[in-house]
Amino acid sequence: MQQNWKGLAGPGTVGLEVVLSIALGLFGGAWLDKKFSTAPWLTVIGLAYGVAAAGRAIYRALKRANRELEDLERKEREERKKFDDD
């Protein structure tokens, strides 16, 4: 049962990471705009960095999922070969 919950931990945090990345970039840029009176440039730049960080998080999650799928398929092939050899 615990293994099932572990499997959900990775994909479940991707959404949170995406939202936090974008929010941090947006609000950080807005804060810097107020501090330096450069509106809206730092907000736009912060948002762009946040979206880039979110894209990177999604890419890493997809890479991890593909790697796990390949490992699972490899193990299943080994099991089938072992079963066929017997």
PDB file of N, CA and C in Angstrom:
ATOM      1  N   MET A   1       0.825  -1.197   0.000  1.00  0.00           N
ATOM      2  CA  MET A   1       0.000   0.000   0.000  1.00  0.00           C
ATOM      3  C   MET A   1       0.867   1.258   0.000  1.00  0.00           C
ATOM      4  N   GLN A   2       1.939   1.234   0.763  1.00  0.00           N
ATOM      5  CA  GLN A   2       2.788   2.415   0.838  1.00  0.00           C
ATOM      6  C   GLN A   2       3.441   2.707  -0.516  1.00  0.00           C
ATOM      7  N   GLN A   3       3.758   1.674  -1.279  1.00  0.00           N
ATOM      8  CA  GLN A   3       4.369   1.860  -2.593  1.00  0.00           C
ATOM      9  C   GLN A   3       3.435   2.636  -3.522  1.00  0.00           C
ATOM     10  N   ASN A   4       2.125   2.412  -3.420  1.00  0.00           N
ATOM     11  CA  ASN A   4       1.175   3.140  -4.257  1.00  0.00           C
ATOM     12  C   ASN A   4       1.232   4.639  -3.977  1.00  0.00           C
ATOM     13  N   TRP A   5       1.343   5.013  -2.722  1.00  0.00           N
ATOM     14  CA  TRP A   5       1.417   6.432  -2.372  1.00  0.00           C
ATOM     15  C   TRP A   5       2.737   7.041  -2.839  1.00  0.00           C
ATOM     16  N   LYS A   6       3.811   6.260  -2.776  1.00  0.00           N
ATOM     17  CA  LYS A   6       5.102   6.754  -3.242  1.00  0.00           C
ATOM     18  C   LYS A   6       5.056   7.063  -4.731  1.00  0.00           C
ATOM     19  N   GLY A   7       4.350   6.260  -5.497  1.00  0.00           N
ATOM     20  CA  GLY A   7       4.247   6.472  -6.931  1.00  0.00           C
ATOM     21  C   GLY A   7       3.535   7.767  -7.282  1.00  0.00           C
ATOM     22  N   LEU A   8       2.653   8.233  -6.419  1.00  0.00           N
ATOM     23  CA  LEU A   8       1.918   9.469  -6.678  1.00  0.00           C
ATOM     24  C   LEU A   8       2.681  10.715  -6.244  1.00  0.00           C
ATOM     25  N   ALA A   9       3.719  10.536  -5.445  1.00  0.00           N
ATOM     26  CA  ALA A   9       4.432  11.689  -4.903  1.00  0.00           C
ATOM     27  C   ALA A   9       5.096  12.522  -6.000  1.00  0.00           C
ATOM     28  N   GLY A  10       5.744  11.887  -6.957  1.00  0.00           N
ATOM     29  CA  GLY A  10       6.438  12.632  -8.012  1.00  0.00           C
ATOM     30  C   GLY A  10       5.501  13.442  -8.880  1.00  0.00           C
ATOM     31  N   PRO A  11       4.550  12.790  -9.552  1.00  0.00           N
ATOM     32  CA  PRO A  11       3.642  13.546 -10.422  1.00  0.00           C
ATOM     33  C   PRO A  11       2.744  14.512  -9.644  1.00  0.00           C
ATOM     34  N   GLY A  12       2.452  14.192  -8.399  1.00  0.00           N
ATOM     35  CA  GLY A  12       1.577  15.055  -7.609  1.00  0.00           C
ATOM     36  C   GLY A  12       2.212  16.380  -7.254  1.00  0.00           C
ATOM     37  N   THR A  13       3.521  16.413  -7.185  1.00  0.00           N
ATOM     38  CA  THR A  13       4.204  17.651  -6.822  1.00  0.00           C
ATOM     39  C   THR A  13       4.522  18.521  -8.035  1.00  0.00           C
ATOM     40  N   VAL A  14       4.389  17.984  -9.234  1.00  0.00           N
ATOM     41  CA  VAL A  14       4.716  18.764 -10.429  1.00  0.00           C
ATOM     42  C   VAL A  14       3.781  19.963 -10.550  1.00  0.00           C
ATOM     43  N   GLY A  15       2.507  19.752 -10.323  1.00  0.00           N
ATOM     44  CA  GLY A  15       1.550  20.860 -10.398  1.00  0.00           C
ATOM     45  C   GLY A  15       1.874  21.953  -9.403  1.00  0.00           C
ATOM     46  N   LEU A  16       2.217  21.547  -8.196  1.00  0.00           N
ATOM     47  CA  LEU A  16       2.588  22.517  -7.164  1.00  0.00           C
ATOM     48  C   LEU A  16       3.847  23.275  -7.566  1.00  0.00           C
ATOM     49  N   GLU A  17       4.805  22.561  -8.117  1.00  0.00           N
ATOM     50  CA  GLU A  17       6.043  23.202  -8.541  1.00  0.00           C
ATOM     51  C   GLU A  17       5.800  24.196  -9.678  1.00  0.00           C
ATOM     52  N   VAL A  18       4.912  23.845 -10.600  1.00  0.00           N
ATOM     53  CA  VAL A  18       4.590  24.743 -11.708  1.00  0.00           C
ATOM     54  C   VAL A  18       3.946  26.027 -11.186  1.00  0.00           C
ATOM     55  N   VAL A  19       2.950  25.877 -10.332  1.00  0.00           N
ATOM     56  CA  VAL A  19       2.244  27.042  -9.792  1.00  0.00           C
ATOM     57  C   VAL A  19       3.182  27.924  -8.975  1.00  0.00           C
ATOM     58  N   LEU A  20       3.990  27.322  -8.130  1.00  0.00           N
ATOM     59  CA  LEU A  20       4.902  28.110  -7.299  1.00  0.00           C
ATOM     60  C   LEU A  20       5.979  28.811  -8.131  1.00  0.00           C
ATOM     61  N   SER A  21       6.476  28.150  -9.160  1.00  0.00           N
ATOM     62  CA  SER A  21       7.492  28.777 -10.020  1.00  0.00           C
ATOM     63  C   SER A  21       6.944  30.027 -10.695  1.00  0.00           C
ATOM     64  N   ILE A  22       5.759  29.890 -11.273  1.00  0.00           N
ATOM     65  CA  ILE A  22       5.164  31.031 -11.975  1.00  0.00           C
ATOM     66  C   ILE A  22       4.801  32.139 -10.990  1.00  0.00           C
ATOM     67  N   ALA A  23       4.215  31.772  -9.856  1.00  0.00           N
ATOM     68  CA  ALA A  23       3.818  32.779  -8.867  1.00  0.00           C
ATOM     69  C   ALA A  23       5.025  33.508  -8.303  1.00  0.00           C
ATOM     70  N   LEU A  24       6.083  32.773  -7.994  1.00  0.00           N
ATOM     71  CA  LEU A  24       7.284  33.401  -7.444  1.00  0.00           C
ATOM     72  C   LEU A  24       7.900  34.367  -8.458  1.00  0.00           C
ATOM     73  N   GLY A  25       7.984  33.955  -9.717  1.00  0.00           N
ATOM     74  CA  GLY A  25       8.524  34.846 -10.749  1.00  0.00           C
ATOM     75  C   GLY A  25       7.670  36.091 -10.923  1.00  0.00           C
ATOM     76  N   LEU A  26       6.351  35.901 -10.949  1.00  0.00           N
ATOM     77  CA  LEU A  26       5.434  37.036 -11.154  1.00  0.00           C
ATOM     78  C   LEU A  26       5.483  38.008  -9.977  1.00  0.00           C
ATOM     79  N   PHE A  27       5.320  37.489  -8.765  1.00  0.00           N
ATOM     80  CA  PHE A  27       5.288  38.372  -7.604  1.00  0.00           C
ATOM     81  C   PHE A  27       6.659  38.947  -7.270  1.00  0.00           C
ATOM     82  N   GLY A  28       7.716  38.180  -7.541  1.00  0.00           N
ATOM     83  CA  GLY A  28       9.067  38.717  -7.350  1.00  0.00           C
ATOM     84  C   GLY A  28       9.345  39.864  -8.299  1.00  0.00           C
ATOM     85  N   GLY A  29       8.944  39.691  -9.564  1.00  0.00           N
ATOM     86  CA  GLY A  29       9.120  40.771 -10.543  1.00  0.00           C
ATOM     87  C   GLY A  29       8.295  41.989 -10.198  1.00  0.00           C
ATOM     88  N   ALA A  30       7.057  41.787  -9.736  1.00  0.00           N
ATOM     89  CA  ALA A  30       6.200  42.916  -9.350  1.00  0.00           C
ATOM     90  C   ALA A  30       6.799  43.658  -8.154  1.00  0.00           C
ATOM     91  N   TRP A  31       7.337  42.918  -7.208  1.00  0.00           N
ATOM     92  CA  TRP A  31       7.956  43.544  -6.033  1.00  0.00           C
ATOM     93  C   TRP A  31       9.169  44.381  -6.449  1.00  0.00           C
ATOM     94  N   LEU A  32       9.982  43.814  -7.337  1.00  0.00           N
ATOM     95  CA  LEU A  32      11.148  44.561  -7.812  1.00  0.00           C
ATOM     96  C   LEU A  32      10.736  45.789  -8.623  1.00  0.00           C
ATOM     97  N   ASP A  33       9.649  45.674  -9.385  1.00  0.00           N
ATOM     98  CA  ASP A  33       9.141  46.833 -10.127  1.00  0.00           C
ATOM     99  C   ASP A  33       8.755  47.966  -9.184  1.00  0.00           C
ATOM    100  N   LYS A  34       8.095  47.635  -8.090  1.00  0.00           N
ATOM    101  CA  LYS A  34       7.709  48.662  -7.111  1.00  0.00           C
ATOM    102  C   LYS A  34       8.946  49.280  -6.460  1.00  0.00           C
ATOM    103  N   LYS A  35       9.923  48.435  -6.173  1.00  0.00           N
ATOM    104  CA  LYS A  35      11.125  48.918  -5.499  1.00  0.00           C
ATOM    105  C   LYS A  35      11.957  49.834  -6.394  1.00  0.00           C
ATOM    106  N   PHE A  36      12.070  49.509  -7.683  1.00  0.00           N
ATOM    107  CA  PHE A  36      12.914  50.268  -8.591  1.00  0.00           C
ATOM    108  C   PHE A  36      12.135  51.145  -9.575  1.00  0.00           C
ATOM    109  N   SER A  37      10.822  51.150  -9.496  1.00  0.00           N
ATOM    110  CA  SER A  37       9.956  51.947 -10.393  1.00  0.00           C
ATOM    111  C   SER A  37      10.252  51.672 -11.868  1.00  0.00           C
ATOM    112  N   THR A  38      10.240  50.403 -12.218  1.00  0.00           N
ATOM    113  CA  THR A  38      10.527  50.004 -13.600  1.00  0.00           C
ATOM    114  C   THR A  38       9.351  49.279 -14.244  1.00  0.00           C
ATOM    115  N   ALA A  39       8.160  49.506 -13.722  1.00  0.00           N
ATOM    116  CA  ALA A  39       6.984  48.762 -14.184  1.00  0.00           C
ATOM    117  C   ALA A  39       6.823  48.867 -15.681  1.00  0.00           C
ATOM    118  N   PRO A  40       6.446  47.884 -16.339  1.00  0.00           N
ATOM    119  CA  PRO A  40       6.138  46.490 -16.026  1.00  0.00           C
ATOM    120  C   PRO A  40       7.277  45.532 -16.363  1.00  0.00           C
ATOM    121  N   TRP A  41       8.476  46.059 -16.640  1.00  0.00           N
ATOM    122  CA  TRP A  41       9.543  45.239 -17.204  1.00  0.00           C
ATOM    123  C   TRP A  41      10.004  44.100 -16.303  1.00  0.00           C
ATOM    124  N   LEU A  42      10.239  44.352 -15.064  1.00  0.00           N
ATOM    125  CA  LEU A  42      10.721  43.280 -14.190  1.00  0.00           C
ATOM    126  C   LEU A  42       9.629  42.253 -13.904  1.00  0.00           C
ATOM    127  N   THR A  43       8.370  42.691 -13.937  1.00  0.00           N
ATOM    128  CA  THR A  43       7.271  41.739 -13.777  1.00  0.00           C
ATOM    129  C   THR A  43       7.241  40.783 -14.966  1.00  0.00           C
ATOM    130  N   VAL A  44       7.401  41.315 -16.157  1.00  0.00           N
ATOM    131  CA  VAL A  44       7.404  40.476 -17.363  1.00  0.00           C
ATOM    132  C   VAL A  44       8.603  39.530 -17.360  1.00  0.00           C
ATOM    133  N   ILE A  45       9.761  40.043 -16.984  1.00  0.00           N
ATOM    134  CA  ILE A  45      10.959  39.211 -16.923  1.00  0.00           C
ATOM    135  C   ILE A  45      10.804  38.124 -15.848  1.00  0.00           C
ATOM    136  N   GLY A  46      10.273  38.497 -14.701  1.00  0.00           N
ATOM    137  CA  GLY A  46      10.040  37.511 -13.634  1.00  0.00           C
ATOM    138  C   GLY A  46       9.049  36.446 -14.060  1.00  0.00           C
ATOM    139  N   LEU A  47       7.998  36.844 -14.742  1.00  0.00           N
ATOM    140  CA  LEU A  47       7.013  35.888 -15.245  1.00  0.00           C
ATOM    141  C   LEU A  47       7.658  34.943 -16.253  1.00  0.00           C
ATOM    142  N   ALA A  48       8.499  35.490 -17.136  1.00  0.00           N
ATOM    143  CA  ALA A  48       9.174  34.650 -18.132  1.00  0.00           C
ATOM    144  C   ALA A  48      10.079  33.622 -17.449  1.00  0.00           C
ATOM    145  N   TYR A  49      10.820  34.048 -16.424  1.00  0.00           N
ATOM    146  CA  TYR A  49      11.656  33.100 -15.689  1.00  0.00           C
ATOM    147  C   TYR A  49      10.808  32.051 -14.971  1.00  0.00           C
ATOM    148  N   GLY A  50       9.686  32.463 -14.438  1.00  0.00           N
ATOM    149  CA  GLY A  50       8.790  31.525 -13.766  1.00  0.00           C
ATOM    150  C   GLY A  50       8.231  30.488 -14.719  1.00  0.00           C
ATOM    151  N   VAL A  51       7.837  30.921 -15.906  1.00  0.00           N
ATOM    152  CA  VAL A  51       7.316  29.987 -16.916  1.00  0.00           C
ATOM    153  C   VAL A  51       8.425  29.045 -17.375  1.00  0.00           C
ATOM    154  N   ALA A  52       9.635  29.568 -17.522  1.00  0.00           N
ATOM    155  CA  ALA A  52      10.759  28.715 -17.912  1.00  0.00           C
ATOM    156  C   ALA A  52      11.049  27.671 -16.836  1.00  0.00           C
ATOM    157  N   ALA A  53      11.011  28.071 -15.578  1.00  0.00           N
ATOM    158  CA  ALA A  53      11.227  27.127 -14.485  1.00  0.00           C
ATOM    159  C   ALA A  53      10.124  26.080 -14.435  1.00  0.00           C
ATOM    160  N   ALA A  54       8.893  26.488 -14.716  1.00  0.00           N
ATOM    161  CA  ALA A  54       7.778  25.543 -14.749  1.00  0.00           C
ATOM    162  C   ALA A  54       7.955  24.556 -15.897  1.00  0.00           C
ATOM    163  N   GLY A  55       8.371  25.031 -17.047  1.00  0.00           N
ATOM    164  CA  GLY A  55       8.631  24.144 -18.179  1.00  0.00           C
ATOM    165  C   GLY A  55       9.728  23.150 -17.872  1.00  0.00           C
ATOM    166  N   ARG A  56      10.744  23.605 -17.183  1.00  0.00           N
ATOM    167  CA  ARG A  56      11.843  22.710 -16.787  1.00  0.00           C
ATOM    168  C   ARG A  56      11.347  21.648 -15.819  1.00  0.00           C
ATOM    169  N   ALA A  57      10.471  22.017 -14.904  1.00  0.00           N
ATOM    170  CA  ALA A  57       9.921  21.049 -13.958  1.00  0.00           C
ATOM    171  C   ALA A  57       9.103  19.985 -14.679  1.00  0.00           C
ATOM    172  N   ILE A  58       8.318  20.411 -15.658  1.00  0.00           N
ATOM    173  CA  ILE A  58       7.518  19.455 -16.434  1.00  0.00           C
ATOM    174  C   ILE A  58       8.434  18.532 -17.237  1.00  0.00           C
ATOM    175  N   TYR A  59       9.457  19.089 -17.839  1.00  0.00           N
ATOM    176  CA  TYR A  59      10.410  18.288 -18.624  1.00  0.00           C
ATOM    177  C   TYR A  59      11.098  17.241 -17.748  1.00  0.00           C
ATOM    178  N   ARG A  60      11.549  17.659 -16.564  1.00  0.00           N
ATOM    179  CA  ARG A  60      12.205  16.707 -15.650  1.00  0.00           C
ATOM    180  C   ARG A  60      11.245  15.606 -15.218  1.00  0.00           C
ATOM    181  N   ALA A  61       9.982  15.963 -14.954  1.00  0.00           N
ATOM    182  CA  ALA A  61       8.994  14.961 -14.544  1.00  0.00           C
ATOM    183  C   ALA A  61       8.732  13.964 -15.674  1.00  0.00           C
ATOM    184  N   LEU A  62       8.649  14.452 -16.901  1.00  0.00           N
ATOM    185  CA  LEU A  62       8.447  13.549 -18.042  1.00  0.00           C
ATOM    186  C   LEU A  62       9.651  12.628 -18.243  1.00  0.00           C
ATOM    187  N   LYS A  63      10.847  13.176 -18.099  1.00  0.00           N
ATOM    188  CA  LYS A  63      12.051  12.355 -18.214  1.00  0.00           C
ATOM    189  C   LYS A  63      12.070  11.259 -17.149  1.00  0.00           C
ATOM    190  N   ARG A  64      11.722  11.626 -15.918  1.00  0.00           N
ATOM    191  CA  ARG A  64      11.693  10.668 -14.819  1.00  0.00           C
ATOM    192  C   ARG A  64      10.646   9.584 -15.073  1.00  0.00           C
ATOM    193  N   ALA A  65       9.475   9.973 -15.553  1.00  0.00           N
ATOM    194  CA  ALA A  65       8.414   9.008 -15.829  1.00  0.00           C
ATOM    195  C   ALA A  65       8.824   8.054 -16.950  1.00  0.00           C
ATOM    196  N   ASN A  66       9.458   8.576 -17.996  1.00  0.00           N
ATOM    197  CA  ASN A  66       9.925   7.714 -19.083  1.00  0.00           C
ATOM    198  C   ASN A  66      10.988   6.739 -18.607  1.00  0.00           C
ATOM    199  N   ARG A  67      11.894   7.212 -17.763  1.00  0.00           N
ATOM    200  CA  ARG A  67      12.936   6.340 -17.230  1.00  0.00           C
ATOM    201  C   ARG A  67      12.328   5.228 -16.376  1.00  0.00           C
ATOM    202  N   GLU A  68      11.343   5.575 -15.548  1.00  0.00           N
ATOM    203  CA  GLU A  68      10.684   4.565 -14.725  1.00  0.00           C
ATOM    204  C   GLU A  68       9.928   3.559 -15.584  1.00  0.00           C
ATOM    205  N   LEU A  69       9.299   4.021 -16.655  1.00  0.00           N
ATOM    206  CA  LEU A  69       8.583   3.134 -17.559  1.00  0.00           C
ATOM    207  C   LEU A  69       9.544   2.180 -18.258  1.00  0.00           C
ATOM    208  N   GLU A  70      10.687   2.699 -18.702  1.00  0.00           N
ATOM    209  CA  GLU A  70      11.686   1.841 -19.338  1.00  0.00           C
ATOM    210  C   GLU A  70      12.200   0.791 -18.369  1.00  0.00           C
ATOM    211  N   ASP A  71      12.436   1.167 -17.108  1.00  0.00           N
ATOM    212  CA  ASP A  71      12.881   0.198 -16.105  1.00  0.00           C
ATOM    213  C   ASP A  71      11.827  -0.881 -15.881  1.00  0.00           C
ATOM    214  N   LEU A  72      10.572  -0.479 -15.814  1.00  0.00           N
ATOM    215  CA  LEU A  72       9.490  -1.434 -15.622  1.00  0.00           C
ATOM    216  C   LEU A  72       9.383  -2.386 -16.808  1.00  0.00           C
ATOM    217  N   GLU A  73       9.475  -1.859 -18.019  1.00  0.00           N
ATOM    218  CA  GLU A  73       9.416  -2.712 -19.208  1.00  0.00           C
ATOM    219  C   GLU A  73      10.587  -3.676 -19.256  1.00  0.00           C
ATOM    220  N   ARG A  74      11.784  -3.211 -18.869  1.00  0.00           N
ATOM    221  CA  ARG A  74      12.957  -4.082 -18.843  1.00  0.00           C
ATOM    222  C   ARG A  74      12.772  -5.212 -17.850  1.00  0.00           C
ATOM    223  N   LYS A  75      12.255  -4.895 -16.672  1.00  0.00           N
ATOM    224  CA  LYS A  75      12.013  -5.930 -15.661  1.00  0.00           C
ATOM    225  C   LYS A  75      10.974  -6.936 -16.136  1.00  0.00           C
ATOM    226  N   GLU A  76       9.925  -6.447 -16.808  1.00  0.00           N
ATOM    227  CA  GLU A  76       8.900  -7.358 -17.324  1.00  0.00           C
ATOM    228  C   GLU A  76       9.463  -8.273 -18.405  1.00  0.00           C
ATOM    229  N   ARG A  77      10.327  -7.733 -19.269  1.00  0.00           N
ATOM    230  CA  ARG A  77      10.958  -8.566 -20.297  1.00  0.00           C
ATOM    231  C   ARG A  77      11.820  -9.643 -19.652  1.00  0.00           C
ATOM    232  N   GLU A  78      12.571  -9.272 -18.621  1.00  0.00           N
ATOM    233  CA  GLU A  78      13.411 -10.249 -17.928  1.00  0.00           C
ATOM    234  C   GLU A  78      12.568 -11.331 -17.273  1.00  0.00           C
ATOM    235  N   GLU A  79      11.454 -10.933 -16.687  1.00  0.00           N
ATOM    236  CA  GLU A  79      10.558 -11.911 -16.062  1.00  0.00           C
ATOM    237  C   GLU A  79       9.976 -12.868 -17.104  1.00  0.00           C
ATOM    238  N   ARG A  80       9.557 -12.314 -18.249  1.00  0.00           N
ATOM    239  CA  ARG A  80       8.993 -13.160 -19.312  1.00  0.00           C
ATOM    240  C   ARG A  80      10.034 -14.124 -19.847  1.00  0.00           C
ATOM    241  N   LYS A  81      11.256 -13.631 -20.036  1.00  0.00           N
ATOM    242  CA  LYS A  81      12.319 -14.491 -20.544  1.00  0.00           C
ATOM    243  C   LYS A  81      12.633 -15.588 -19.528  1.00  0.00           C
ATOM    244  N   LYS A  82      12.646 -15.223 -18.273  1.00  0.00           N
ATOM    245  CA  LYS A  82      12.902 -16.205 -17.211  1.00  0.00           C
ATOM    246  C   LYS A  82      11.791 -17.255 -17.191  1.00  0.00           C
ATOM    247  N   PHE A  83      10.554 -16.806 -17.378  1.00  0.00           N
ATOM    248  CA  PHE A  83       9.428 -17.713 -17.377  1.00  0.00           C
ATOM    249  C   PHE A  83       9.470 -18.633 -18.607  1.00  0.00           C
ATOM    250  N   ASP A  84       9.829 -18.069 -19.759  1.00  0.00           N
ATOM    251  CA  ASP A  84       9.901 -18.851 -20.995  1.00  0.00           C
ATOM    252  C   ASP A  84      11.036 -19.862 -20.943  1.00  0.00           C
ATOM    253  N   ASP A  85      12.124 -19.537 -20.275  1.00  0.00           N
ATOM    254  CA  ASP A  85      13.262 -20.438 -20.175  1.00  0.00           C
ATOM    255  C   ASP A  85      12.948 -21.647 -19.292  1.00  0.00           C
ATOM    256  N   ASP A  86      12.035 -21.474 -18.348  1.00  0.00           N
ATOM    257  CA  ASP A  86      11.715 -22.587 -17.442  1.00  0.00           C
ATOM    258  C   ASP A  86      10.859 -23.564 -18.119  1.00  0.00           C
TER     259      ASP A  86
END
